[in-house]
Amino acid sequence: MSKKLILESRFTNHQKTHIILTIGGLPLIVIIYSIVLGHNSTHQLITAISTIIYIVLICLAFTKKGLFKKGETLYRGLFFNKKIILCKKFDLTDKSKVSILKFRKTQKMAWFSDAKPDLGTNFISLDITLLNNKHTQKELLISLRKENKSKRTIEFLNKNFNLKEEIYSPDFR
């Protein structure tokens, strides 16, 4: 039996707009161009392929990241409409602890003006990290932006994998 924890959107609103309009604009232009040119078999094939690409890009823009348990294995997954699209398996053999590492990060914006060429937004990233007993080895599990989601993640890991939350403090002795 698998348990899922779908957490938050993979992309910000700015990134979603960029994916749909900028990257997705090319297949949309090809679709419109093919409709205007006519309906021979080549144009229909190009229209069909472009339509599929555009639909995939729109679906990609609305994916969410999360975790799930299948058997006794932990996976990080990419979800669309509560269905798993991609996943990555994590080996918990030497990992018995988990920690939330807090970082200030900046994300550059895709569009900018002459007045502010380096326009970016600052945000807090909460990285859920798997640790060994001495905290000398760490592995990033998932990065989140909301504190309540990180707490839910820790609860999920404690309940399903018996990972204990600790403050990151490596012991190199």
Protein backbone atom coordinates (compact mmCIF):
# COMPACT_ATOMS: atom_id res chain seq x y z
CA MET A 1 0.00 0.00 0.00
CA SER A 2 1.35 3.43 -0.86
CA LYS A 3 0.89 6.64 1.08
CA LYS A 4 1.17 10.02 -0.61
CA LEU A 5 1.96 13.49 0.68
CA ILE A 6 1.41 16.07 -2.06
CA LEU A 7 2.97 19.30 -0.85
CA GLU A 8 3.17 22.35 -3.08
CA SER A 9 3.38 23.52 -6.64
CA ARG A 10 6.65 22.85 -8.38
CA PHE A 11 6.68 26.30 -10.02
CA THR A 12 5.88 29.84 -8.88
CA ASN A 13 3.18 31.83 -10.67
CA HIS A 14 5.88 33.74 -12.55
CA GLN A 15 7.44 30.48 -13.76
CA LYS A 16 4.04 29.07 -14.76
CA THR A 17 3.34 32.15 -16.85
CA HIS A 18 6.76 31.86 -18.45
CA ILE A 19 6.25 28.17 -19.32
CA ILE A 20 2.76 28.63 -20.74
CA LEU A 21 3.30 31.85 -22.68
CA THR A 22 6.94 31.80 -23.72
CA ILE A 23 7.79 28.15 -24.18
CA GLY A 24 4.22 27.11 -24.91
CA GLY A 25 3.75 29.97 -27.36
CA LEU A 26 5.76 28.25 -30.09
CA PRO A 27 3.50 25.18 -30.36
CA LEU A 28 0.48 27.51 -30.19
CA ILE A 29 1.84 29.56 -33.11
CA VAL A 30 2.46 26.37 -35.11
CA ILE A 31 -1.11 25.20 -34.40
CA ILE A 32 -2.60 28.50 -35.60
CA TYR A 33 -0.28 28.60 -38.64
CA SER A 34 -1.24 25.02 -39.61
CA ILE A 35 -4.95 25.80 -39.31
CA VAL A 36 -4.58 28.88 -41.54
CA LEU A 37 -2.50 27.03 -44.18
CA GLY A 38 -4.93 24.23 -44.79
CA HIS A 39 -5.79 20.69 -43.95
CA ASN A 40 -3.41 18.41 -45.81
CA SER A 41 -1.92 15.42 -43.95
CA THR A 42 1.43 17.10 -43.18
CA HIS A 43 -0.25 20.11 -41.60
CA GLN A 44 -2.58 17.84 -39.61
CA LEU A 45 0.40 15.89 -38.27
CA ILE A 46 2.26 19.08 -37.33
CA THR A 47 -0.89 20.43 -35.68
CA ALA A 48 -1.40 17.21 -33.71
CA ILE A 49 2.22 17.10 -32.51
CA SER A 50 2.19 20.79 -31.58
CA THR A 51 -1.10 20.37 -29.71
CA ILE A 52 0.31 17.47 -27.72
CA ILE A 53 3.46 19.45 -26.87
CA TYR A 54 1.37 22.44 -25.74
CA ILE A 55 -0.89 20.26 -23.56
CA VAL A 56 2.16 18.58 -21.97
CA LEU A 57 3.71 22.00 -21.20
CA ILE A 58 0.49 23.21 -19.58
CA CYS A 59 0.30 20.02 -17.51
CA LEU A 60 3.96 20.44 -16.52
CA ALA A 61 3.28 23.99 -15.32
CA PHE A 62 0.65 22.72 -12.88
CA THR A 63 2.57 19.80 -11.37
CA LYS A 64 3.13 19.50 -7.64
CA LYS A 65 5.99 17.99 -5.72
CA GLY A 66 5.60 15.60 -2.85
CA LEU A 67 6.63 12.37 -1.17
CA PHE A 68 5.21 8.90 -1.18
CA LYS A 69 5.84 5.57 0.45
CA LYS A 70 5.58 2.33 -1.47
CA GLY A 71 6.27 -0.71 0.65
CA GLU A 72 9.11 0.38 2.91
CA THR A 73 10.72 2.69 0.33
CA LEU A 74 10.68 6.48 0.29
CA TYR A 75 10.19 8.32 -3.01
CA ARG A 76 10.10 11.98 -3.98
CA GLY A 77 7.49 12.40 -6.66
CA LEU A 78 6.17 14.80 -9.23
CA PHE A 79 2.37 14.73 -9.25
CA PHE A 80 -0.26 15.89 -11.69
CA ASN A 81 -3.88 15.59 -10.59
CA LYS A 82 -2.83 13.28 -7.70
CA LYS A 83 -1.14 10.88 -10.14
CA ILE A 84 2.59 10.22 -10.02
CA ILE A 85 4.44 11.31 -13.17
CA LEU A 86 8.10 10.98 -12.10
CA CYS A 87 9.74 9.69 -8.95
CA LYS A 88 13.13 9.31 -7.33
CA LYS A 89 13.93 6.56 -4.85
CA PHE A 90 15.83 7.38 -1.64
CA ASP A 91 18.01 4.88 0.17
CA LEU A 92 17.45 5.17 3.93
CA THR A 93 20.03 2.52 4.88
CA ASP A 94 22.40 4.87 6.72
CA LYS A 95 19.89 7.67 7.26
CA SER A 96 18.12 7.81 10.61
CA LYS A 97 17.68 11.56 11.14
CA VAL A 98 16.01 14.39 9.29
CA SER A 99 16.53 18.14 9.57
CA ILE A 100 15.02 21.32 8.16
CA LEU A 101 17.71 23.64 6.83
CA LYS A 102 16.59 27.21 6.23
CA PHE A 103 18.18 29.29 3.46
CA ARG A 104 17.60 32.73 1.99
CA LYS A 105 17.54 32.48 -1.78
CA THR A 106 17.03 34.84 -4.69
CA GLN A 107 15.28 34.01 -7.92
CA LYS A 108 15.91 36.14 -10.97
CA MET A 109 12.85 37.19 -12.92
CA ALA A 110 12.51 36.24 -16.57
CA TRP A 111 11.46 39.74 -17.64
CA PHE A 112 13.21 42.89 -16.56
CA SER A 113 13.41 46.56 -17.39
CA ASP A 114 16.26 48.97 -18.02
CA ALA A 115 15.65 50.48 -14.60
CA LYS A 116 16.17 47.16 -12.79
CA PRO A 117 18.17 44.75 -14.99
CA ASP A 118 18.87 42.38 -12.09
CA LEU A 119 15.30 42.21 -10.85
CA GLY A 120 14.77 39.23 -8.56
CA THR A 121 12.67 38.07 -5.65
CA ASN A 122 13.96 36.89 -2.29
CA PHE A 123 12.40 33.93 -0.55
CA ILE A 124 13.05 31.46 2.24
CA SER A 125 13.78 27.88 1.20
CA LEU A 126 13.20 25.11 3.70
CA ASP A 127 15.31 22.13 2.67
CA ILE A 128 14.26 18.83 4.21
CA THR A 129 17.51 16.89 4.52
CA LEU A 130 18.21 13.26 5.39
CA LEU A 131 21.14 12.77 7.77
CA ASN A 132 23.21 9.93 9.19
CA ASN A 133 23.69 9.55 12.98
CA LYS A 134 26.66 11.92 13.18
CA HIS A 135 25.19 14.39 10.63
CA THR A 136 28.34 14.07 8.52
CA GLN A 137 26.44 12.86 5.46
CA LYS A 138 23.40 14.71 4.24
CA GLU A 139 21.10 14.25 1.29
CA LEU A 140 18.51 16.78 0.13
CA LEU A 141 15.07 15.22 0.09
CA ILE A 142 12.87 18.15 -0.94
CA SER A 143 12.90 21.98 -0.90
CA LEU A 144 9.77 23.79 0.21
CA ARG A 145 8.73 27.41 0.61
CA LYS A 146 6.07 27.14 3.32
CA GLU A 147 6.81 26.29 6.92
CA ASN A 148 3.54 24.43 7.55
CA LYS A 149 4.31 22.14 4.60
CA SER A 150 7.76 21.37 6.03
CA LYS A 151 6.18 20.44 9.38
CA ARG A 152 3.75 18.10 7.60
CA THR A 153 6.69 16.54 5.77
CA ILE A 154 8.55 15.90 9.03
CA GLU A 155 5.42 14.32 10.54
CA PHE A 156 5.04 12.10 7.45
CA LEU A 157 8.68 10.98 7.71
CA ASN A 158 8.45 10.35 11.47
CA LYS A 159 5.26 8.33 11.15
CA ASN A 160 6.12 6.26 8.07
CA PHE A 161 9.91 5.86 8.24
CA ASN A 162 10.78 6.42 11.90
CA LEU A 163 13.14 9.28 11.00
CA LYS A 164 13.79 11.60 13.94
CA GLU A 165 13.99 15.36 13.53
CA GLU A 166 17.17 16.94 14.85
CA ILE A 167 18.93 20.26 14.55
CA TYR A 168 21.74 19.94 12.02
CA SER A 169 25.00 19.74 13.95
CA PRO A 170 27.76 17.66 12.33
CA ASP A 171 30.11 15.74 14.60
CA PHE A 172 33.39 15.12 12.72
CA ARG A 173 35.17 13.53 15.68
